[in-house]
PDB file of N, CA and C in Angstrom:
ATOM      1  N   MET A   1       0.853  -1.179   0.000  1.00  0.00           N
ATOM      2  CA  MET A   1       0.000   0.000   0.000  1.00  0.00           C
ATOM      3  C   MET A   1       0.898   1.240   0.000  1.00  0.00           C
ATOM      4  N   ASN A   2       0.748   2.062  -1.018  1.00  0.00           N
ATOM      5  CA  ASN A   2       1.572   3.259  -1.135  1.00  0.00           C
ATOM      6  C   ASN A   2       0.698   4.496  -0.921  1.00  0.00           C
ATOM      7  N   LEU A   3       0.741   5.020   0.280  1.00  0.00           N
ATOM      8  CA  LEU A   3      -0.097   6.170   0.617  1.00  0.00           C
ATOM      9  C   LEU A   3       0.280   7.408  -0.182  1.00  0.00           C
ATOM     10  N   GLU A   4       1.534   7.512  -0.545  1.00  0.00           N
ATOM     11  CA  GLU A   4       1.980   8.658  -1.351  1.00  0.00           C
ATOM     12  C   GLU A   4       1.210   8.704  -2.674  1.00  0.00           C
ATOM     13  N   ASN A   5       1.116   7.556  -3.329  1.00  0.00           N
ATOM     14  CA  ASN A   5       0.378   7.499  -4.601  1.00  0.00           C
ATOM     15  C   ASN A   5      -1.099   7.795  -4.403  1.00  0.00           C
ATOM     16  N   PHE A   6      -1.683   7.266  -3.329  1.00  0.00           N
ATOM     17  CA  PHE A   6      -3.104   7.507  -3.065  1.00  0.00           C
ATOM     18  C   PHE A   6      -3.382   8.988  -2.821  1.00  0.00           C
ATOM     19  N   SER A   7      -2.492   9.658  -2.094  1.00  0.00           N
ATOM     20  CA  SER A   7      -2.709  11.082  -1.836  1.00  0.00           C
ATOM     21  C   SER A   7      -2.571  11.894  -3.125  1.00  0.00           C
ATOM     22  N   LYS A   8      -1.658  11.492  -4.001  1.00  0.00           N
ATOM     23  CA  LYS A   8      -1.511  12.174  -5.291  1.00  0.00           C
ATOM     24  C   LYS A   8      -2.723  11.920  -6.181  1.00  0.00           C
ATOM     25  N   GLU A   9      -3.261  10.700  -6.134  1.00  0.00           N
ATOM     26  CA  GLU A   9      -4.472  10.395  -6.904  1.00  0.00           C
ATOM     27  C   GLU A   9      -5.649  11.226  -6.404  1.00  0.00           C
ATOM     28  N   ALA A  10      -5.740  11.396  -5.100  1.00  0.00           N
ATOM     29  CA  ALA A  10      -6.818  12.215  -4.532  1.00  0.00           C
ATOM     30  C   ALA A  10      -6.692  13.659  -5.016  1.00  0.00           C
ATOM     31  N   LEU A  11      -5.493  14.168  -5.037  1.00  0.00           N
ATOM     32  CA  LEU A  11      -5.245  15.526  -5.523  1.00  0.00           C
ATOM     33  C   LEU A  11      -5.622  15.656  -7.000  1.00  0.00           C
ATOM     34  N   GLU A  12      -5.238  14.683  -7.803  1.00  0.00           N
ATOM     35  CA  GLU A  12      -5.587  14.699  -9.227  1.00  0.00           C
ATOM     36  C   GLU A  12      -7.099  14.654  -9.424  1.00  0.00           C
ATOM     37  N   GLN A  13      -7.787  13.882  -8.601  1.00  0.00           N
ATOM     38  CA  GLN A  13      -9.241  13.788  -8.707  1.00  0.00           C
ATOM     39  C   GLN A  13      -9.894  15.138  -8.434  1.00  0.00           C
ATOM     40  N   ILE A  14      -9.405  15.842  -7.439  1.00  0.00           N
ATOM     41  CA  ILE A  14      -9.945  17.170  -7.118  1.00  0.00           C
ATOM     42  C   ILE A  14      -9.807  18.098  -8.322  1.00  0.00           C
ATOM     43  N   ILE A  15      -8.661  18.058  -8.958  1.00  0.00           N
ATOM     44  CA  ILE A  15      -8.398  18.928 -10.106  1.00  0.00           C
ATOM     45  C   ILE A  15      -9.194  18.470 -11.331  1.00  0.00           C
ATOM     46  N   ASN A  16      -9.171  17.169 -11.623  1.00  0.00           N
ATOM     47  CA  ASN A  16      -9.848  16.646 -12.821  1.00  0.00           C
ATOM     48  C   ASN A  16     -11.365  16.800 -12.768  1.00  0.00           C
ATOM     49  N   LYS A  17     -11.946  16.663 -11.592  1.00  0.00           N
ATOM     50  CA  LYS A  17     -13.406  16.770 -11.471  1.00  0.00           C
ATOM     51  C   LYS A  17     -13.863  18.211 -11.262  1.00  0.00           C
ATOM     52  N   LYS A  18     -12.888  19.125 -11.243  1.00  0.00           N
ATOM     53  CA  LYS A  18     -13.155  20.568 -11.175  1.00  0.00           C
ATOM     54  C   LYS A  18     -14.042  20.947  -9.986  1.00  0.00           C
ATOM     55  N   TYR A  19     -13.676  20.435  -8.825  1.00  0.00           N
ATOM     56  CA  TYR A  19     -14.413  20.768  -7.609  1.00  0.00           C
ATOM     57  C   TYR A  19     -14.252  22.236  -7.224  1.00  0.00           C
ATOM     58  N   ASN A  20     -13.341  22.932  -7.888  1.00  0.00           N
ATOM     59  CA  ASN A  20     -13.065  24.332  -7.573  1.00  0.00           C
ATOM     60  C   ASN A  20     -13.995  25.315  -8.274  1.00  0.00           C
ATOM     61  N   ILE A  21     -14.825  24.869  -9.180  1.00  0.00           N
ATOM     62  CA  ILE A  21     -15.652  25.758 -10.005  1.00  0.00           C
ATOM     63  C   ILE A  21     -16.499  26.708  -9.159  1.00  0.00           C
ATOM     64  N   GLU A  22     -17.163  26.198  -8.142  1.00  0.00           N
ATOM     65  CA  GLU A  22     -18.023  27.049  -7.305  1.00  0.00           C
ATOM     66  C   GLU A  22     -17.210  28.123  -6.589  1.00  0.00           C
ATOM     67  N   LEU A  23     -16.011  27.773  -6.151  1.00  0.00           N
ATOM     68  CA  LEU A  23     -15.159  28.764  -5.488  1.00  0.00           C
ATOM     69  C   LEU A  23     -14.740  29.859  -6.466  1.00  0.00           C
ATOM     70  N   ILE A  24     -14.381  29.457  -7.672  1.00  0.00           N
ATOM     71  CA  ILE A  24     -13.977  30.425  -8.689  1.00  0.00           C
ATOM     72  C   ILE A  24     -15.143  31.343  -9.046  1.00  0.00           C
ATOM     73  N   LYS A  25     -16.341  30.774  -9.162  1.00  0.00           N
ATOM     74  CA  LYS A  25     -17.529  31.584  -9.464  1.00  0.00           C
ATOM     75  C   LYS A  25     -17.777  32.639  -8.392  1.00  0.00           C
ATOM     76  N   LYS A  26     -17.388  32.341  -7.154  1.00  0.00           N
ATOM     77  CA  LYS A  26     -17.580  33.283  -6.048  1.00  0.00           C
ATOM     78  C   LYS A  26     -16.435  34.285  -5.946  1.00  0.00           C
ATOM     79  N   GLY A  27     -15.482  34.215  -6.884  1.00  0.00           N
ATOM     80  CA  GLY A  27     -14.396  35.185  -6.917  1.00  0.00           C
ATOM     81  C   GLY A  27     -13.164  34.789  -6.133  1.00  0.00           C
ATOM     82  N   ILE A  28     -13.123  33.580  -5.642  1.00  0.00           N
ATOM     83  CA  ILE A  28     -11.955  33.123  -4.882  1.00  0.00           C
ATOM     84  C   ILE A  28     -10.877  32.701  -5.874  1.00  0.00           C
ATOM     85  N   LYS A  29      -9.685  33.272  -5.713  1.00  0.00           N
ATOM     86  CA  LYS A  29      -8.610  33.002  -6.664  1.00  0.00           C
ATOM     87  C   LYS A  29      -7.488  32.166  -6.070  1.00  0.00           C
ATOM     88  N   ASP A  30      -7.225  32.326  -4.792  1.00  0.00           N
ATOM     89  CA  ASP A  30      -6.167  31.552  -4.147  1.00  0.00           C
ATOM     90  C   ASP A  30      -6.782  30.300  -3.536  1.00  0.00           C
ATOM     91  N   ILE A  31      -6.593  29.179  -4.217  1.00  0.00           N
ATOM     92  CA  ILE A  31      -7.174  27.917  -3.778  1.00  0.00           C
ATOM     93  C   ILE A  31      -6.043  26.923  -3.542  1.00  0.00           C
ATOM     94  N   THR A  32      -6.042  26.286  -2.398  1.00  0.00           N
ATOM     95  CA  THR A  32      -5.090  25.230  -2.096  1.00  0.00           C
ATOM     96  C   THR A  32      -5.807  23.895  -2.235  1.00  0.00           C
ATOM     97  N   TYR A  33      -5.256  23.028  -3.052  1.00  0.00           N
ATOM     98  CA  TYR A  33      -5.823  21.699  -3.273  1.00  0.00           C
ATOM     99  C   TYR A  33      -5.060  20.713  -2.396  1.00  0.00           C
ATOM    100  N   ILE A  34      -5.768  19.896  -1.641  1.00  0.00           N
ATOM    101  CA  ILE A  34      -5.133  18.978  -0.703  1.00  0.00           C
ATOM    102  C   ILE A  34      -5.689  17.574  -0.900  1.00  0.00           C
ATOM    103  N   GLY A  35      -4.793  16.616  -1.152  1.00  0.00           N
ATOM    104  CA  GLY A  35      -5.165  15.204  -1.235  1.00  0.00           C
ATOM    105  C   GLY A  35      -4.623  14.494  -0.007  1.00  0.00           C
ATOM    106  N   ILE A  36      -5.467  13.752   0.674  1.00  0.00           N
ATOM    107  CA  ILE A  36      -5.081  13.089   1.920  1.00  0.00           C
ATOM    108  C   ILE A  36      -5.339  11.589   1.800  1.00  0.00           C
ATOM    109  N   ALA A  37      -4.370  10.794   2.230  1.00  0.00           N
ATOM    110  CA  ALA A  37      -4.536   9.342   2.299  1.00  0.00           C
ATOM    111  C   ALA A  37      -4.040   8.889   3.667  1.00  0.00           C
ATOM    112  N   PHE A  38      -4.792   7.998   4.292  1.00  0.00           N
ATOM    113  CA  PHE A  38      -4.364   7.495   5.595  1.00  0.00           C
ATOM    114  C   PHE A  38      -4.737   6.034   5.756  1.00  0.00           C
ATOM    115  N   TYR A  39      -3.951   5.359   6.582  1.00  0.00           N
ATOM    116  CA  TYR A  39      -4.199   3.965   6.925  1.00  0.00           C
ATOM    117  C   TYR A  39      -3.660   3.751   8.330  1.00  0.00           C
ATOM    118  N   LYS A  40      -4.546   3.375   9.221  1.00  0.00           N
ATOM    119  CA  LYS A  40      -4.203   3.212  10.640  1.00  0.00           C
ATOM    120  C   LYS A  40      -3.528   4.490  11.135  1.00  0.00           C
ATOM    121  N   LYS A  41      -2.250   4.416  11.511  1.00  0.00           N
ATOM    122  CA  LYS A  41      -1.580   5.607  12.044  1.00  0.00           C
ATOM    123  C   LYS A  41      -0.664   6.271  11.019  1.00  0.00           C
ATOM    124  N   GLN A  42      -0.745   5.862   9.776  1.00  0.00           N
ATOM    125  CA  GLN A  42       0.076   6.453   8.721  1.00  0.00           C
ATOM    126  C   GLN A  42      -0.745   7.477   7.950  1.00  0.00           C
ATOM    127  N   LEU A  43      -0.090   8.543   7.538  1.00  0.00           N
ATOM    128  CA  LEU A  43      -0.769   9.630   6.837  1.00  0.00           C
ATOM    129  C   LEU A  43       0.157  10.218   5.778  1.00  0.00           C
ATOM    130  N   ARG A  44      -0.408  10.505   4.614  1.00  0.00           N
ATOM    131  CA  ARG A  44       0.322  11.213   3.563  1.00  0.00           C
ATOM    132  C   ARG A  44      -0.579  12.315   3.025  1.00  0.00           C
ATOM    133  N   ILE A  45       0.015  13.464   2.768  1.00  0.00           N
ATOM    134  CA  ILE A  45      -0.721  14.609   2.244  1.00  0.00           C
ATOM    135  C   ILE A  45       0.016  15.140   1.018  1.00  0.00           C
ATOM    136  N   SER A  46      -0.737  15.389  -0.042  1.00  0.00           N
ATOM    137  CA  SER A  46      -0.205  16.050  -1.240  1.00  0.00           C
ATOM    138  C   SER A  46      -0.990  17.340  -1.420  1.00  0.00           C
ATOM    139  N   TYR A  47      -0.316  18.382  -1.875  1.00  0.00           N
ATOM    140  CA  TYR A  47      -1.026  19.647  -2.061  1.00  0.00           C
ATOM    141  C   TYR A  47      -0.470  20.403  -3.254  1.00  0.00           C
ATOM    142  N   LYS A  48      -1.293  21.320  -3.708  1.00  0.00           N
ATOM    143  CA  LYS A  48      -0.896  22.171  -4.836  1.00  0.00           C
ATOM    144  C   LYS A  48      -1.515  23.532  -4.638  1.00  0.00           C
TER     145      LYS A  48
END
């Protein structure tokens, strides 16, 4: 299990599915995208 890859996939999903559209429509320009993957006590975070 590679949590690093899972967190990067989560980040890509946020970008590809354009979850930011509503924020952009409201005039928000500085958006931080965060992908999180965890298993038991392990955690990986990817951001852009």
